[in-house]
Every structure is written in structure tokens, then in C-alpha cells.
Amino acid sequence: MISHLNKKNKPTIVDISSKKITDRIAIAQGIVEFSKSTYKKIESLKTKKGEIKSIAIIAGILGTKKTSDVIPLCHNIKIENIDIDIQAIKKISSLKVTSSVKSRGKTGVEMEALNGVSVACLTIYDMCKSLDKNIVIKDIRLVKKKGGKSDFSKSKK
């Protein structure tokens, strides 16, 4: 059964009132892929719109905090920590965005981590789109979840 449907198959926010408060951690990642020529242009991580990394990190933090505003059935939760990291991967002309989110509560922070990565990747795209229309955002996924009923860790390929 899909957790966000009630007995009448209508959308509902999941009732977490009886859940125990536990530490919750989620880590998500995404890749922004550029052509080699565009990657060389942004290697300094600066564009006409500003310094890519810092602005994307701030956007990712804001995206994490606003998750319940854009995902209708997501709980509005207290977030204890957000860490957005952006690493250059020169050999594949890409930037890897990682979002780590921590909370102590009754529901997980997977959606917050995924939304943070997505917003950071979209911000990088927005800042670089004048250089290249073929930028690819890919592989946005949950790589780790801890706390609650089950833990999860993406196996390495």
C-alpha cells in the first residue's frame, strides 16, 4: 500500500503521531554534467551571475528548508543540520552535489536531502545555462538513510 493514500485511496499526509522520536540522517547526491569546453570555462567556479559553489550551497540549504512547501504530503520538520558539498570531477567534466541532512524527530529527512540536492543542481544549471544549453542534471538519488524503521545505504557500483 502506498503510505500517502488513506483507506479510501485519497491523498493524505502520513500520521506520525505514534512514532518514536529518533535521530534521522539522510544523504543524497546528484551530478551536473557539462561539455568539456563548458567545464573549462567554469573551472574557476565563477560566472557572470557570481561564484557558483557558494550560491548553489545557499540555494541547496534553502531548498532543504522549504521541502514541505513544494512537496505537498511532506511533513514540515525541524532540521538540526544541513551540509551541502560540491566537488569538481574533472575527468567527467562534472560537479557532484552532496546533501547531508540531520534531524531528531518522528519522520525521516530523505525528501529534504533530495530536494536540497535538486535545488543546488538547478541553481548550477541556472548560473551556467548561458554558456551551454546541453548541461545535464543526472543521478539524483538517496545514498544513505539512518533512523526510523529501517536504514539504507546505496551499494557502490
C-alpha atoms as a PDB file:
ATOM      1  CA  MET A   1       0.000   0.000   0.000  1.00  0.00           C
ATOM      2  CA  ILE A   2       1.222   3.487  -0.799  1.00  0.00           C
ATOM      3  CA  SER A   3       1.720   5.305   2.505  1.00  0.00           C
ATOM      4  CA  HIS A   4       0.234   8.592   1.295  1.00  0.00           C
ATOM      5  CA  LEU A   5      -3.185   7.157   0.418  1.00  0.00           C
ATOM      6  CA  ASN A   6      -5.884   6.641   3.029  1.00  0.00           C
ATOM      7  CA  LYS A   7      -8.345   3.727   3.160  1.00  0.00           C
ATOM      8  CA  LYS A   8     -10.471   5.460   0.509  1.00  0.00           C
ATOM      9  CA  ASN A   9      -7.433   5.880  -1.791  1.00  0.00           C
ATOM     10  CA  LYS A  10      -7.397   9.651  -1.236  1.00  0.00           C
ATOM     11  CA  PRO A  11      -4.147  11.560  -0.704  1.00  0.00           C
ATOM     12  CA  THR A  12      -3.236  12.124   2.935  1.00  0.00           C
ATOM     13  CA  ILE A  13      -0.248  13.134   4.971  1.00  0.00           C
ATOM     14  CA  VAL A  14       1.076  10.134   6.911  1.00  0.00           C
ATOM     15  CA  ASP A  15       0.043  10.060  10.584  1.00  0.00           C
ATOM     16  CA  ILE A  16       3.306  10.050  12.547  1.00  0.00           C
ATOM     17  CA  SER A  17       1.759  10.866  15.933  1.00  0.00           C
ATOM     18  CA  SER A  18       2.514   7.424  17.404  1.00  0.00           C
ATOM     19  CA  LYS A  19       6.083   7.186  16.091  1.00  0.00           C
ATOM     20  CA  LYS A  20       9.063   7.453  18.427  1.00  0.00           C
ATOM     21  CA  ILE A  21      11.452  10.381  18.217  1.00  0.00           C
ATOM     22  CA  THR A  22      14.805   9.205  16.859  1.00  0.00           C
ATOM     23  CA  ASP A  23      17.876  10.685  15.212  1.00  0.00           C
ATOM     24  CA  ARG A  24      17.370  10.877  11.441  1.00  0.00           C
ATOM     25  CA  ILE A  25      20.075  11.252   8.806  1.00  0.00           C
ATOM     26  CA  ALA A  26      19.821  11.244   5.023  1.00  0.00           C
ATOM     27  CA  ILE A  27      22.447  11.785   2.349  1.00  0.00           C
ATOM     28  CA  ALA A  28      21.576  12.424  -1.287  1.00  0.00           C
ATOM     29  CA  GLN A  29      23.724  13.121  -4.337  1.00  0.00           C
ATOM     30  CA  GLY A  30      23.367  14.446  -7.843  1.00  0.00           C
ATOM     31  CA  ILE A  31      25.622  15.211 -10.801  1.00  0.00           C
ATOM     32  CA  VAL A  32      25.686  18.251 -13.070  1.00  0.00           C
ATOM     33  CA  GLU A  33      27.459  17.283 -16.289  1.00  0.00           C
ATOM     34  CA  PHE A  34      28.977  19.781 -18.724  1.00  0.00           C
ATOM     35  CA  SER A  35      30.659  19.584 -22.102  1.00  0.00           C
ATOM     36  CA  LYS A  36      34.451  19.674 -21.789  1.00  0.00           C
ATOM     37  CA  SER A  37      34.602  23.193 -23.213  1.00  0.00           C
ATOM     38  CA  THR A  38      31.963  24.499 -20.793  1.00  0.00           C
ATOM     39  CA  TYR A  39      33.624  22.745 -17.866  1.00  0.00           C
ATOM     40  CA  LYS A  40      36.900  24.512 -18.712  1.00  0.00           C
ATOM     41  CA  LYS A  41      35.068  27.855 -18.691  1.00  0.00           C
ATOM     42  CA  ILE A  42      33.564  27.238 -15.256  1.00  0.00           C
ATOM     43  CA  GLU A  43      36.586  25.529 -13.700  1.00  0.00           C
ATOM     44  CA  SER A  44      37.165  28.639 -11.604  1.00  0.00           C
ATOM     45  CA  LEU A  45      33.542  28.091 -10.443  1.00  0.00           C
ATOM     46  CA  LYS A  46      32.652  31.685 -11.342  1.00  0.00           C
ATOM     47  CA  THR A  47      30.199  33.039 -13.901  1.00  0.00           C
ATOM     48  CA  LYS A  48      28.694  36.431 -14.686  1.00  0.00           C
ATOM     49  CA  LYS A  49      25.991  35.599 -12.111  1.00  0.00           C
ATOM     50  CA  GLY A  50      28.568  35.039  -9.354  1.00  0.00           C
ATOM     51  CA  GLU A  51      30.519  32.325  -7.582  1.00  0.00           C
ATOM     52  CA  ILE A  52      28.769  29.059  -8.465  1.00  0.00           C
ATOM     53  CA  LYS A  53      29.650  26.910  -5.471  1.00  0.00           C
ATOM     54  CA  SER A  54      28.659  29.346  -2.704  1.00  0.00           C
ATOM     55  CA  ILE A  55      25.414  30.359  -4.360  1.00  0.00           C
ATOM     56  CA  ALA A  56      24.442  26.728  -5.090  1.00  0.00           C
ATOM     57  CA  ILE A  57      25.194  25.753  -1.477  1.00  0.00           C
ATOM     58  CA  ILE A  58      22.969  28.537  -0.153  1.00  0.00           C
ATOM     59  CA  ALA A  59      20.230  27.561  -2.628  1.00  0.00           C
ATOM     60  CA  GLY A  60      20.520  23.903  -1.563  1.00  0.00           C
ATOM     61  CA  ILE A  61      20.164  24.872   2.093  1.00  0.00           C
ATOM     62  CA  LEU A  62      17.099  26.962   1.291  1.00  0.00           C
ATOM     63  CA  GLY A  63      15.656  24.131  -0.829  1.00  0.00           C
ATOM     64  CA  THR A  64      16.133  21.728   2.070  1.00  0.00           C
ATOM     65  CA  LYS A  65      14.355  24.058   4.484  1.00  0.00           C
ATOM     66  CA  LYS A  66      11.446  24.622   2.071  1.00  0.00           C
ATOM     67  CA  THR A  67      10.804  20.966   1.169  1.00  0.00           C
ATOM     68  CA  SER A  68       7.355  20.774   2.762  1.00  0.00           C
ATOM     69  CA  ASP A  69       6.334  23.896   0.805  1.00  0.00           C
ATOM     70  CA  VAL A  70       6.902  22.207  -2.570  1.00  0.00           C
ATOM     71  CA  ILE A  71       6.152  18.544  -1.818  1.00  0.00           C
ATOM     72  CA  PRO A  72       2.525  18.593  -0.660  1.00  0.00           C
ATOM     73  CA  LEU A  73       2.430  15.495   1.562  1.00  0.00           C
ATOM     74  CA  CYS A  74       5.818  16.051   3.183  1.00  0.00           C
ATOM     75  CA  HIS A  75       5.815  16.955   6.892  1.00  0.00           C
ATOM     76  CA  ASN A  76       7.179  20.316   7.996  1.00  0.00           C
ATOM     77  CA  ILE A  77      10.000  19.183  10.271  1.00  0.00           C
ATOM     78  CA  LYS A  78      12.672  20.696  12.472  1.00  0.00           C
ATOM     79  CA  ILE A  79      16.029  20.278  10.770  1.00  0.00           C
ATOM     80  CA  GLU A  80      19.081  20.111  13.026  1.00  0.00           C
ATOM     81  CA  ASN A  81      21.811  20.320  10.360  1.00  0.00           C
ATOM     82  CA  ILE A  82      22.248  20.745   6.607  1.00  0.00           C
ATOM     83  CA  ASP A  83      25.556  20.263   4.816  1.00  0.00           C
ATOM     84  CA  ILE A  84      25.735  20.813   1.056  1.00  0.00           C
ATOM     85  CA  ASP A  85      29.041  19.903  -0.581  1.00  0.00           C
ATOM     86  CA  ILE A  86      30.035  20.457  -4.202  1.00  0.00           C
ATOM     87  CA  GLN A  87      33.028  18.646  -5.666  1.00  0.00           C
ATOM     88  CA  ALA A  88      34.534  19.111  -9.118  1.00  0.00           C
ATOM     89  CA  ILE A  89      35.085  15.866 -11.038  1.00  0.00           C
ATOM     90  CA  LYS A  90      37.376  16.968 -13.837  1.00  0.00           C
ATOM     91  CA  LYS A  91      37.680  13.580 -15.582  1.00  0.00           C
ATOM     92  CA  ILE A  92      33.943  13.592 -16.385  1.00  0.00           C
ATOM     93  CA  SER A  93      33.513  17.396 -16.668  1.00  0.00           C
ATOM     94  CA  SER A  94      31.013  17.398 -13.815  1.00  0.00           C
ATOM     95  CA  LEU A  95      30.140  18.790 -10.421  1.00  0.00           C
ATOM     96  CA  LYS A  96      28.940  16.310  -7.781  1.00  0.00           C
ATOM     97  CA  VAL A  97      26.494  17.756  -5.260  1.00  0.00           C
ATOM     98  CA  THR A  98      26.009  16.003  -1.915  1.00  0.00           C
ATOM     99  CA  SER A  99      23.425  16.953   0.692  1.00  0.00           C
ATOM    100  CA  SER A 100      23.532  15.636   4.261  1.00  0.00           C
ATOM    101  CA  VAL A 101      20.544  16.404   6.470  1.00  0.00           C
ATOM    102  CA  LYS A 102      20.069  15.635  10.166  1.00  0.00           C
ATOM    103  CA  SER A 103      17.013  15.852  12.365  1.00  0.00           C
ATOM    104  CA  ARG A 104      15.675  14.430  15.598  1.00  0.00           C
ATOM    105  CA  GLY A 105      12.045  13.602  15.087  1.00  0.00           C
ATOM    106  CA  LYS A 106       9.294  11.201  14.065  1.00  0.00           C
ATOM    107  CA  THR A 107       9.878  11.168  10.311  1.00  0.00           C
ATOM    108  CA  GLY A 108      12.852  10.858   8.013  1.00  0.00           C
ATOM    109  CA  VAL A 109      14.741  13.559   6.134  1.00  0.00           C
ATOM    110  CA  GLU A 110      15.176  11.795   2.782  1.00  0.00           C
ATOM    111  CA  MET A 111      12.943  14.216   0.892  1.00  0.00           C
ATOM    112  CA  GLU A 112      14.767  17.178   2.411  1.00  0.00           C
ATOM    113  CA  ALA A 113      18.154  15.801   1.315  1.00  0.00           C
ATOM    114  CA  LEU A 114      16.852  15.024  -2.188  1.00  0.00           C
ATOM    115  CA  ASN A 115      15.217  18.441  -2.523  1.00  0.00           C
ATOM    116  CA  GLY A 116      18.390  20.180  -1.336  1.00  0.00           C
ATOM    117  CA  VAL A 117      20.472  18.376  -3.969  1.00  0.00           C
ATOM    118  CA  SER A 118      17.894  19.101  -6.663  1.00  0.00           C
ATOM    119  CA  VAL A 119      17.750  22.827  -5.906  1.00  0.00           C
ATOM    120  CA  ALA A 120      21.553  23.102  -5.739  1.00  0.00           C
ATOM    121  CA  CYS A 121      21.861  21.311  -9.116  1.00  0.00           C
ATOM    122  CA  LEU A 122      19.172  23.521 -10.662  1.00  0.00           C
ATOM    123  CA  THR A 123      20.994  26.605  -9.371  1.00  0.00           C
ATOM    124  CA  ILE A 124      24.232  25.450 -11.001  1.00  0.00           C
ATOM    125  CA  TYR A 125      22.297  24.909 -14.235  1.00  0.00           C
ATOM    126  CA  ASP A 126      20.732  28.368 -13.998  1.00  0.00           C
ATOM    127  CA  MET A 127      24.097  30.024 -13.435  1.00  0.00           C
ATOM    128  CA  CYS A 128      25.740  28.203 -16.360  1.00  0.00           C
ATOM    129  CA  LYS A 129      22.939  27.939 -18.934  1.00  0.00           C
ATOM    130  CA  SER A 130      24.171  30.982 -20.873  1.00  0.00           C
ATOM    131  CA  LEU A 131      27.370  29.043 -21.608  1.00  0.00           C
ATOM    132  CA  ASP A 132      25.764  25.782 -22.718  1.00  0.00           C
ATOM    133  CA  LYS A 133      22.211  24.554 -23.320  1.00  0.00           C
ATOM    134  CA  ASN A 134      23.292  20.892 -23.126  1.00  0.00           C
ATOM    135  CA  ILE A 135      24.042  20.745 -19.403  1.00  0.00           C
ATOM    136  CA  VAL A 136      22.701  17.514 -17.891  1.00  0.00           C
ATOM    137  CA  ILE A 137      21.455  17.057 -14.339  1.00  0.00           C
ATOM    138  CA  LYS A 138      21.531  13.353 -13.540  1.00  0.00           C
ATOM    139  CA  ASP A 139      21.738  10.594 -10.973  1.00  0.00           C
ATOM    140  CA  ILE A 140      19.875  12.406  -8.201  1.00  0.00           C
ATOM    141  CA  ARG A 141      19.405   9.709  -5.605  1.00  0.00           C
ATOM    142  CA  LEU A 142      19.349   8.814  -1.948  1.00  0.00           C
ATOM    143  CA  VAL A 143      22.665   7.247  -0.963  1.00  0.00           C
ATOM    144  CA  LYS A 144      22.115   6.802   2.781  1.00  0.00           C
ATOM    145  CA  LYS A 145      19.297   6.912   5.320  1.00  0.00           C
ATOM    146  CA  LYS A 146      19.565   6.223   9.024  1.00  0.00           C
ATOM    147  CA  GLY A 147      16.929   6.257  11.748  1.00  0.00           C
ATOM    148  CA  GLY A 148      13.326   5.191  11.947  1.00  0.00           C
ATOM    149  CA  LYS A 149      12.076   1.745  10.904  1.00  0.00           C
ATOM    150  CA  SER A 150      14.912   0.962   8.520  1.00  0.00           C
ATOM    151  CA  ASP A 151      18.357   2.084   7.461  1.00  0.00           C
ATOM    152  CA  PHE A 152      19.535   2.256   3.860  1.00  0.00           C
ATOM    153  CA  SER A 153      22.892   2.587   2.174  1.00  0.00           C
ATOM    154  CA  LYS A 154      23.316   2.608  -1.600  1.00  0.00           C
ATOM    155  CA  SER A 155      25.706  -0.124  -2.640  1.00  0.00           C
ATOM    156  CA  LYS A 156      28.665   1.078  -4.667  1.00  0.00           C
ATOM    157  CA  LYS A 157      28.745   0.061  -8.319  1.00  0.00           C
END
